[in-house]
Amino acid sequence: MKEIKYVITDPLGMHARPAGMLVKAVAKAASKVTVTAPTGTADCKRLMAVMRLAAKQGMELTFNVEGADEETVAAELQAFLSANL
């Protein structure tokens, strides 16, 4: 299992557009990808679950990637987070 910790820097937090992009980015992965925020835990392949976290600027998110392609997915996820949140 790979774990990625990321603090949101976007002033708008994880609003609809980046949340949708996140779901799309991990949708094809064979691995299970979850995100934990101070407000709860969500499956990253489910848009409404990710939106329900209401992640704001400054919140630390912990992403867990577990599965056959976890190395690749974790690297892509880290790049996505840096570029979009």
PDB file of N, CA and C in Angstrom:
ATOM      1  N   MET A   1       0.843  -1.175   0.000  1.00  0.00           N
ATOM      2  CA  MET A   1       0.000   0.000   0.000  1.00  0.00           C
ATOM      3  C   MET A   1       0.890   1.241   0.000  1.00  0.00           C
ATOM      4  N   LYS A   2       0.498   2.207  -0.807  1.00  0.00           N
ATOM      5  CA  LYS A   2       1.186   3.495  -0.888  1.00  0.00           C
ATOM      6  C   LYS A   2       0.328   4.548  -0.200  1.00  0.00           C
ATOM      7  N   GLU A   3       0.987   5.456   0.519  1.00  0.00           N
ATOM      8  CA  GLU A   3       0.273   6.536   1.192  1.00  0.00           C
ATOM      9  C   GLU A   3       0.869   7.866   0.758  1.00  0.00           C
ATOM     10  N   ILE A   4      -0.015   8.796   0.412  1.00  0.00           N
ATOM     11  CA  ILE A   4       0.403  10.126  -0.013  1.00  0.00           C
ATOM     12  C   ILE A   4      -0.307  11.136   0.875  1.00  0.00           C
ATOM     13  N   LYS A   5       0.450  12.021   1.476  1.00  0.00           N
ATOM     14  CA  LYS A   5      -0.135  13.113   2.265  1.00  0.00           C
ATOM     15  C   LYS A   5       0.013  14.389   1.454  1.00  0.00           C
ATOM     16  N   TYR A   6      -1.060  15.165   1.406  1.00  0.00           N
ATOM     17  CA  TYR A   6      -1.045  16.396   0.620  1.00  0.00           C
ATOM     18  C   TYR A   6      -1.883  17.463   1.323  1.00  0.00           C
ATOM     19  N   VAL A   7      -1.363  18.669   1.419  1.00  0.00           N
ATOM     20  CA  VAL A   7      -2.089  19.804   1.988  1.00  0.00           C
ATOM     21  C   VAL A   7      -2.617  20.647   0.831  1.00  0.00           C
ATOM     22  N   ILE A   8      -3.912  20.904   0.831  1.00  0.00           N
ATOM     23  CA  ILE A   8      -4.548  21.660  -0.252  1.00  0.00           C
ATOM     24  C   ILE A   8      -4.059  23.111  -0.229  1.00  0.00           C
ATOM     25  N   THR A   9      -3.569  23.572  -1.375  1.00  0.00           N
ATOM     26  CA  THR A   9      -3.083  24.946  -1.494  1.00  0.00           C
ATOM     27  C   THR A   9      -4.044  25.826  -2.296  1.00  0.00           C
ATOM     28  N   ASP A  10      -4.940  25.222  -3.052  1.00  0.00           N
ATOM     29  CA  ASP A  10      -5.902  25.973  -3.862  1.00  0.00           C
ATOM     30  C   ASP A  10      -6.826  26.764  -2.932  1.00  0.00           C
ATOM     31  N   PRO A  11      -6.953  28.080  -3.138  1.00  0.00           N
ATOM     32  CA  PRO A  11      -7.810  28.901  -2.272  1.00  0.00           C
ATOM     33  C   PRO A  11      -9.275  28.450  -2.249  1.00  0.00           C
ATOM     34  N   LEU A  12      -9.720  27.801  -3.310  1.00  0.00           N
ATOM     35  CA  LEU A  12     -11.108  27.332  -3.367  1.00  0.00           C
ATOM     36  C   LEU A  12     -11.283  25.929  -2.799  1.00  0.00           C
ATOM     37  N   GLY A  13     -10.196  25.302  -2.413  1.00  0.00           N
ATOM     38  CA  GLY A  13     -10.286  23.932  -1.888  1.00  0.00           C
ATOM     39  C   GLY A  13     -10.561  22.944  -3.002  1.00  0.00           C
ATOM     40  N   MET A  14     -11.098  21.792  -2.635  1.00  0.00           N
ATOM     41  CA  MET A  14     -11.423  20.778  -3.643  1.00  0.00           C
ATOM     42  C   MET A  14     -12.884  20.961  -4.053  1.00  0.00           C
ATOM     43  N   HIS A  15     -13.099  21.887  -4.971  1.00  0.00           N
ATOM     44  CA  HIS A  15     -14.443  22.141  -5.473  1.00  0.00           C
ATOM     45  C   HIS A  15     -14.762  21.169  -6.610  1.00  0.00           C
ATOM     46  N   ALA A  16     -15.881  21.368  -7.273  1.00  0.00           N
ATOM     47  CA  ALA A  16     -16.391  20.400  -8.254  1.00  0.00           C
ATOM     48  C   ALA A  16     -15.419  20.060  -9.376  1.00  0.00           C
ATOM     49  N   ARG A  17     -14.755  21.064  -9.950  1.00  0.00           N
ATOM     50  CA  ARG A  17     -13.881  20.793 -11.090  1.00  0.00           C
ATOM     51  C   ARG A  17     -12.687  19.915 -10.719  1.00  0.00           C
ATOM     52  N   PRO A  18     -11.892  20.269  -9.705  1.00  0.00           N
ATOM     53  CA  PRO A  18     -10.772  19.379  -9.381  1.00  0.00           C
ATOM     54  C   PRO A  18     -11.215  18.035  -8.818  1.00  0.00           C
ATOM     55  N   ALA A  19     -12.357  18.002  -8.131  1.00  0.00           N
ATOM     56  CA  ALA A  19     -12.864  16.723  -7.626  1.00  0.00           C
ATOM     57  C   ALA A  19     -13.221  15.809  -8.800  1.00  0.00           C
ATOM     58  N   GLY A  20     -13.864  16.362  -9.820  1.00  0.00           N
ATOM     59  CA  GLY A  20     -14.201  15.589 -11.012  1.00  0.00           C
ATOM     60  C   GLY A  20     -12.966  15.116 -11.750  1.00  0.00           C
ATOM     61  N   MET A  21     -11.959  15.981 -11.814  1.00  0.00           N
ATOM     62  CA  MET A  21     -10.710  15.606 -12.469  1.00  0.00           C
ATOM     63  C   MET A  21     -10.001  14.494 -11.691  1.00  0.00           C
ATOM     64  N   LEU A  22     -10.079  14.555 -10.361  1.00  0.00           N
ATOM     65  CA  LEU A  22      -9.471  13.514  -9.519  1.00  0.00           C
ATOM     66  C   LEU A  22     -10.138  12.172  -9.779  1.00  0.00           C
ATOM     67  N   VAL A  23     -11.458  12.158  -9.784  1.00  0.00           N
ATOM     68  CA  VAL A  23     -12.201  10.920 -10.032  1.00  0.00           C
ATOM     69  C   VAL A  23     -11.847  10.357 -11.405  1.00  0.00           C
ATOM     70  N   LYS A  24     -11.784  11.218 -12.395  1.00  0.00           N
ATOM     71  CA  LYS A  24     -11.449  10.781 -13.752  1.00  0.00           C
ATOM     72  C   LYS A  24     -10.014  10.234 -13.810  1.00  0.00           C
ATOM     73  N   ALA A  25      -9.110  10.855 -13.054  1.00  0.00           N
ATOM     74  CA  ALA A  25      -7.708  10.428 -13.065  1.00  0.00           C
ATOM     75  C   ALA A  25      -7.508   9.036 -12.476  1.00  0.00           C
ATOM     76  N   VAL A  26      -8.305   8.657 -11.495  1.00  0.00           N
ATOM     77  CA  VAL A  26      -8.121   7.343 -10.857  1.00  0.00           C
ATOM     78  C   VAL A  26      -9.149   6.299 -11.307  1.00  0.00           C
ATOM     79  N   ALA A  27     -10.110   6.703 -12.118  1.00  0.00           N
ATOM     80  CA  ALA A  27     -11.190   5.806 -12.530  1.00  0.00           C
ATOM     81  C   ALA A  27     -10.708   4.530 -13.216  1.00  0.00           C
ATOM     82  N   LYS A  28      -9.664   4.621 -14.016  1.00  0.00           N
ATOM     83  CA  LYS A  28      -9.195   3.461 -14.782  1.00  0.00           C
ATOM     84  C   LYS A  28      -8.214   2.593 -14.002  1.00  0.00           C
ATOM     85  N   ALA A  29      -7.840   3.023 -12.815  1.00  0.00           N
ATOM     86  CA  ALA A  29      -6.863   2.273 -12.020  1.00  0.00           C
ATOM     87  C   ALA A  29      -7.472   0.979 -11.493  1.00  0.00           C
ATOM     88  N   ALA A  30      -6.671  -0.053 -11.479  1.00  0.00           N
ATOM     89  CA  ALA A  30      -7.109  -1.319 -10.893  1.00  0.00           C
ATOM     90  C   ALA A  30      -7.046  -1.251  -9.376  1.00  0.00           C
ATOM     91  N   SER A  31      -6.188  -0.385  -8.872  1.00  0.00           N
ATOM     92  CA  SER A  31      -6.009  -0.241  -7.427  1.00  0.00           C
ATOM     93  C   SER A  31      -7.191   0.478  -6.789  1.00  0.00           C
ATOM     94  N   LYS A  32      -7.368   0.224  -5.499  1.00  0.00           N
ATOM     95  CA  LYS A  32      -8.362   0.931  -4.714  1.00  0.00           C
ATOM     96  C   LYS A  32      -7.688   2.212  -4.218  1.00  0.00           C
ATOM     97  N   VAL A  33      -8.352   3.353  -4.419  1.00  0.00           N
ATOM     98  CA  VAL A  33      -7.802   4.643  -4.011  1.00  0.00           C
ATOM     99  C   VAL A  33      -8.802   5.313  -3.075  1.00  0.00           C
ATOM    100  N   THR A  34      -8.359   5.606  -1.854  1.00  0.00           N
ATOM    101  CA  THR A  34      -9.218   6.291  -0.897  1.00  0.00           C
ATOM    102  C   THR A  34      -8.526   7.561  -0.415  1.00  0.00           C
ATOM    103  N   VAL A  35      -9.341   8.518   0.013  1.00  0.00           N
ATOM    104  CA  VAL A  35      -8.810   9.766   0.561  1.00  0.00           C
ATOM    105  C   VAL A  35      -9.447   9.985   1.926  1.00  0.00           C
ATOM    106  N   THR A  36      -8.609  10.380   2.877  1.00  0.00           N
ATOM    107  CA  THR A  36      -9.076  10.690   4.218  1.00  0.00           C
ATOM    108  C   THR A  36      -8.773  12.151   4.501  1.00  0.00           C
ATOM    109  N   ALA A  37      -9.798  12.863   4.952  1.00  0.00           N
ATOM    110  CA  ALA A  37      -9.687  14.273   5.334  1.00  0.00           C
ATOM    111  C   ALA A  37     -10.168  14.381   6.776  1.00  0.00           C
ATOM    112  N   PRO A  38      -9.984  15.523   7.409  1.00  0.00           N
ATOM    113  CA  PRO A  38     -10.508  15.682   8.763  1.00  0.00           C
ATOM    114  C   PRO A  38     -12.033  15.491   8.838  1.00  0.00           C
ATOM    115  N   THR A  39     -12.693  15.613   7.688  1.00  0.00           N
ATOM    116  CA  THR A  39     -14.149  15.486   7.639  1.00  0.00           C
ATOM    117  C   THR A  39     -14.645  14.088   7.303  1.00  0.00           C
ATOM    118  N   GLY A  40     -13.750  13.138   7.007  1.00  0.00           N
ATOM    119  CA  GLY A  40     -14.165  11.771   6.705  1.00  0.00           C
ATOM    120  C   GLY A  40     -13.264  11.087   5.691  1.00  0.00           C
ATOM    121  N   THR A  41     -13.742   9.947   5.205  1.00  0.00           N
ATOM    122  CA  THR A  41     -13.004   9.143   4.229  1.00  0.00           C
ATOM    123  C   THR A  41     -13.901   8.880   3.028  1.00  0.00           C
ATOM    124  N   ALA A  42     -13.298   8.856   1.828  1.00  0.00           N
ATOM    125  CA  ALA A  42     -14.073   8.647   0.609  1.00  0.00           C
ATOM    126  C   ALA A  42     -13.306   7.789  -0.390  1.00  0.00           C
ATOM    127  N   ASP A  43     -14.063   7.064  -1.207  1.00  0.00           N
ATOM    128  CA  ASP A  43     -13.531   6.315  -2.340  1.00  0.00           C
ATOM    129  C   ASP A  43     -13.297   7.331  -3.452  1.00  0.00           C
ATOM    130  N   CYS A  44     -12.082   7.428  -3.940  1.00  0.00           N
ATOM    131  CA  CYS A  44     -11.739   8.435  -4.958  1.00  0.00           C
ATOM    132  C   CYS A  44     -12.362   8.166  -6.319  1.00  0.00           C
ATOM    133  N   LYS A  45     -13.012   7.043  -6.478  1.00  0.00           N
ATOM    134  CA  LYS A  45     -13.665   6.743  -7.750  1.00  0.00           C
ATOM    135  C   LYS A  45     -15.138   7.169  -7.729  1.00  0.00           C
ATOM    136  N   ARG A  46     -15.574   7.798  -6.627  1.00  0.00           N
ATOM    137  CA  ARG A  46     -16.972   8.221  -6.482  1.00  0.00           C
ATOM    138  C   ARG A  46     -17.018   9.726  -6.231  1.00  0.00           C
ATOM    139  N   LEU A  47     -17.481  10.461  -7.224  1.00  0.00           N
ATOM    140  CA  LEU A  47     -17.468  11.920  -7.183  1.00  0.00           C
ATOM    141  C   LEU A  47     -18.215  12.479  -5.974  1.00  0.00           C
ATOM    142  N   MET A  48     -19.403  12.013  -5.717  1.00  0.00           N
ATOM    143  CA  MET A  48     -20.189  12.572  -4.615  1.00  0.00           C
ATOM    144  C   MET A  48     -19.529  12.292  -3.267  1.00  0.00           C
ATOM    145  N   ALA A  49     -18.881  11.161  -3.140  1.00  0.00           N
ATOM    146  CA  ALA A  49     -18.175  10.848  -1.895  1.00  0.00           C
ATOM    147  C   ALA A  49     -17.017  11.817  -1.680  1.00  0.00           C
ATOM    148  N   VAL A  50     -16.289  12.129  -2.753  1.00  0.00           N
ATOM    149  CA  VAL A  50     -15.171  13.067  -2.667  1.00  0.00           C
ATOM    150  C   VAL A  50     -15.694  14.468  -2.360  1.00  0.00           C
ATOM    151  N   MET A  51     -16.762  14.882  -3.007  1.00  0.00           N
ATOM    152  CA  MET A  51     -17.342  16.208  -2.782  1.00  0.00           C
ATOM    153  C   MET A  51     -17.858  16.350  -1.343  1.00  0.00           C
ATOM    154  N   ARG A  52     -18.382  15.277  -0.792  1.00  0.00           N
ATOM    155  CA  ARG A  52     -18.932  15.292   0.564  1.00  0.00           C
ATOM    156  C   ARG A  52     -17.868  15.623   1.621  1.00  0.00           C
ATOM    157  N   LEU A  53     -16.607  15.406   1.297  1.00  0.00           N
ATOM    158  CA  LEU A  53     -15.534  15.726   2.240  1.00  0.00           C
ATOM    159  C   LEU A  53     -15.409  17.231   2.478  1.00  0.00           C
ATOM    160  N   ALA A  54     -15.850  18.035   1.517  1.00  0.00           N
ATOM    161  CA  ALA A  54     -15.786  19.498   1.610  1.00  0.00           C
ATOM    162  C   ALA A  54     -14.387  19.959   2.027  1.00  0.00           C
ATOM    163  N   ALA A  55     -13.378  19.454   1.346  1.00  0.00           N
ATOM    164  CA  ALA A  55     -11.982  19.763   1.670  1.00  0.00           C
ATOM    165  C   ALA A  55     -11.645  21.201   1.305  1.00  0.00           C
ATOM    166  N   LYS A  56     -11.137  21.941   2.268  1.00  0.00           N
ATOM    167  CA  LYS A  56     -10.809  23.355   2.109  1.00  0.00           C
ATOM    168  C   LYS A  56      -9.306  23.579   2.063  1.00  0.00           C
ATOM    169  N   GLN A  57      -8.918  24.781   1.674  1.00  0.00           N
ATOM    170  CA  GLN A  57      -7.500  25.155   1.646  1.00  0.00           C
ATOM    171  C   GLN A  57      -6.896  24.962   3.038  1.00  0.00           C
ATOM    172  N   GLY A  58      -5.702  24.372   3.072  1.00  0.00           N
ATOM    173  CA  GLY A  58      -5.001  24.143   4.326  1.00  0.00           C
ATOM    174  C   GLY A  58      -5.261  22.790   4.956  1.00  0.00           C
ATOM    175  N   MET A  59      -6.293  22.070   4.496  1.00  0.00           N
ATOM    176  CA  MET A  59      -6.578  20.742   5.032  1.00  0.00           C
ATOM    177  C   MET A  59      -5.560  19.728   4.518  1.00  0.00           C
ATOM    178  N   GLU A  60      -5.145  18.820   5.387  1.00  0.00           N
ATOM    179  CA  GLU A  60      -4.252  17.745   4.958  1.00  0.00           C
ATOM    180  C   GLU A  60      -5.100  16.541   4.553  1.00  0.00           C
ATOM    181  N   LEU A  61      -4.851  16.051   3.356  1.00  0.00           N
ATOM    182  CA  LEU A  61      -5.526  14.857   2.846  1.00  0.00           C
ATOM    183  C   LEU A  61      -4.527  13.710   2.824  1.00  0.00           C
ATOM    184  N   THR A  62      -5.004  12.522   3.136  1.00  0.00           N
ATOM    185  CA  THR A  62      -4.173  11.329   3.068  1.00  0.00           C
ATOM    186  C   THR A  62      -4.794  10.396   2.048  1.00  0.00           C
ATOM    187  N   PHE A  63      -4.055  10.096   1.003  1.00  0.00           N
ATOM    188  CA  PHE A  63      -4.504   9.199  -0.053  1.00  0.00           C
ATOM    189  C   PHE A  63      -3.846   7.842   0.153  1.00  0.00           C
ATOM    190  N   ASN A  64      -4.632   6.778   0.091  1.00  0.00           N
ATOM    191  CA  ASN A  64      -4.109   5.418   0.177  1.00  0.00           C
ATOM    192  C   ASN A  64      -4.398   4.716  -1.134  1.00  0.00           C
ATOM    193  N   VAL A  65      -3.367   4.134  -1.715  1.00  0.00           N
ATOM    194  CA  VAL A  65      -3.481   3.418  -2.985  1.00  0.00           C
ATOM    195  C   VAL A  65      -3.053   1.980  -2.718  1.00  0.00           C
ATOM    196  N   GLU A  66      -3.951   1.038  -3.026  1.00  0.00           N
ATOM    197  CA  GLU A  66      -3.654  -0.366  -2.761  1.00  0.00           C
ATOM    198  C   GLU A  66      -4.135  -1.226  -3.924  1.00  0.00           C
ATOM    199  N   GLY A  67      -3.206  -1.981  -4.493  1.00  0.00           N
ATOM    200  CA  GLY A  67      -3.569  -2.856  -5.589  1.00  0.00           C
ATOM    201  C   GLY A  67      -2.403  -3.155  -6.499  1.00  0.00           C
ATOM    202  N   ALA A  68      -2.709  -3.812  -7.599  1.00  0.00           N
ATOM    203  CA  ALA A  68      -1.694  -4.303  -8.525  1.00  0.00           C
ATOM    204  C   ALA A  68      -0.868  -3.186  -9.167  1.00  0.00           C
ATOM    205  N   ASP A  69      -1.494  -2.064  -9.462  1.00  0.00           N
ATOM    206  CA  ASP A  69      -0.786  -0.975 -10.139  1.00  0.00           C
ATOM    207  C   ASP A  69      -0.542   0.222  -9.221  1.00  0.00           C
ATOM    208  N   GLU A  70      -0.386  -0.033  -7.934  1.00  0.00           N
ATOM    209  CA  GLU A  70      -0.282   1.049  -6.956  1.00  0.00           C
ATOM    210  C   GLU A  70       0.907   1.978  -7.176  1.00  0.00           C
ATOM    211  N   GLU A  71       2.026   1.459  -7.638  1.00  0.00           N
ATOM    212  CA  GLU A  71       3.207   2.301  -7.875  1.00  0.00           C
ATOM    213  C   GLU A  71       2.904   3.369  -8.927  1.00  0.00           C
ATOM    214  N   THR A  72       2.352   2.945 -10.035  1.00  0.00           N
ATOM    215  CA  THR A  72       2.033   3.849 -11.140  1.00  0.00           C
ATOM    216  C   THR A  72       0.951   4.840 -10.739  1.00  0.00           C
ATOM    217  N   VAL A  73      -0.104   4.334 -10.118  1.00  0.00           N
ATOM    218  CA  VAL A  73      -1.227   5.186  -9.717  1.00  0.00           C
ATOM    219  C   VAL A  73      -0.771   6.222  -8.693  1.00  0.00           C
ATOM    220  N   ALA A  74       0.044   5.824  -7.736  1.00  0.00           N
ATOM    221  CA  ALA A  74       0.529   6.760  -6.712  1.00  0.00           C
ATOM    222  C   ALA A  74       1.365   7.875  -7.340  1.00  0.00           C
ATOM    223  N   ALA A  75       2.207   7.537  -8.291  1.00  0.00           N
ATOM    224  CA  ALA A  75       3.034   8.543  -8.970  1.00  0.00           C
ATOM    225  C   ALA A  75       2.159   9.517  -9.757  1.00  0.00           C
ATOM    226  N   GLU A  76       1.175   8.990 -10.475  1.00  0.00           N
ATOM    227  CA  GLU A  76       0.269   9.833 -11.254  1.00  0.00           C
ATOM    228  C   GLU A  76      -0.581  10.705 -10.334  1.00  0.00           C
ATOM    229  N   LEU A  77      -1.015  10.148  -9.220  1.00  0.00           N
ATOM    230  CA  LEU A  77      -1.817  10.890  -8.260  1.00  0.00           C
ATOM    231  C   LEU A  77      -1.018  12.038  -7.650  1.00  0.00           C
ATOM    232  N   GLN A  78       0.221  11.778  -7.302  1.00  0.00           N
ATOM    233  CA  GLN A  78       1.080  12.825  -6.739  1.00  0.00           C
ATOM    234  C   GLN A  78       1.254  13.972  -7.737  1.00  0.00           C
ATOM    235  N   ALA A  79       1.472  13.644  -8.997  1.00  0.00           N
ATOM    236  CA  ALA A  79       1.617  14.668 -10.038  1.00  0.00           C
ATOM    237  C   ALA A  79       0.315  15.449 -10.208  1.00  0.00           C
ATOM    238  N   PHE A  80      -0.802  14.748 -10.185  1.00  0.00           N
ATOM    239  CA  PHE A  80      -2.115  15.405 -10.316  1.00  0.00           C
ATOM    240  C   PHE A  80      -2.346  16.393  -9.177  1.00  0.00           C
ATOM    241  N   LEU A  81      -2.080  15.961  -7.958  1.00  0.00           N
ATOM    242  CA  LEU A  81      -2.309  16.812  -6.793  1.00  0.00           C
ATOM    243  C   LEU A  81      -1.467  18.082  -6.859  1.00  0.00           C
ATOM    244  N   SER A  82      -0.209  17.933  -7.200  1.00  0.00           N
ATOM    245  CA  SER A  82       0.695  19.083  -7.298  1.00  0.00           C
ATOM    246  C   SER A  82       0.236  20.083  -8.352  1.00  0.00           C
ATOM    247  N   ALA A  83      -0.310  19.580  -9.447  1.00  0.00           N
ATOM    248  CA  ALA A  83      -0.728  20.437 -10.551  1.00  0.00           C
ATOM    249  C   ALA A  83      -2.096  21.073 -10.364  1.00  0.00           C
ATOM    250  N   ASN A  84      -2.977  20.411  -9.584  1.00  0.00           N
ATOM    251  CA  ASN A  84      -4.377  20.857  -9.547  1.00  0.00           C
ATOM    252  C   ASN A  84      -4.922  21.284  -8.189  1.00  0.00           C
ATOM    253  N   LEU A  85      -4.252  20.955  -7.127  1.00  0.00           N
ATOM    254  CA  LEU A  85      -4.777  21.332  -5.800  1.00  0.00           C
ATOM    255  C   LEU A  85      -3.728  22.039  -4.979  1.00  0.00           C
TER     256      LEU A  85
END
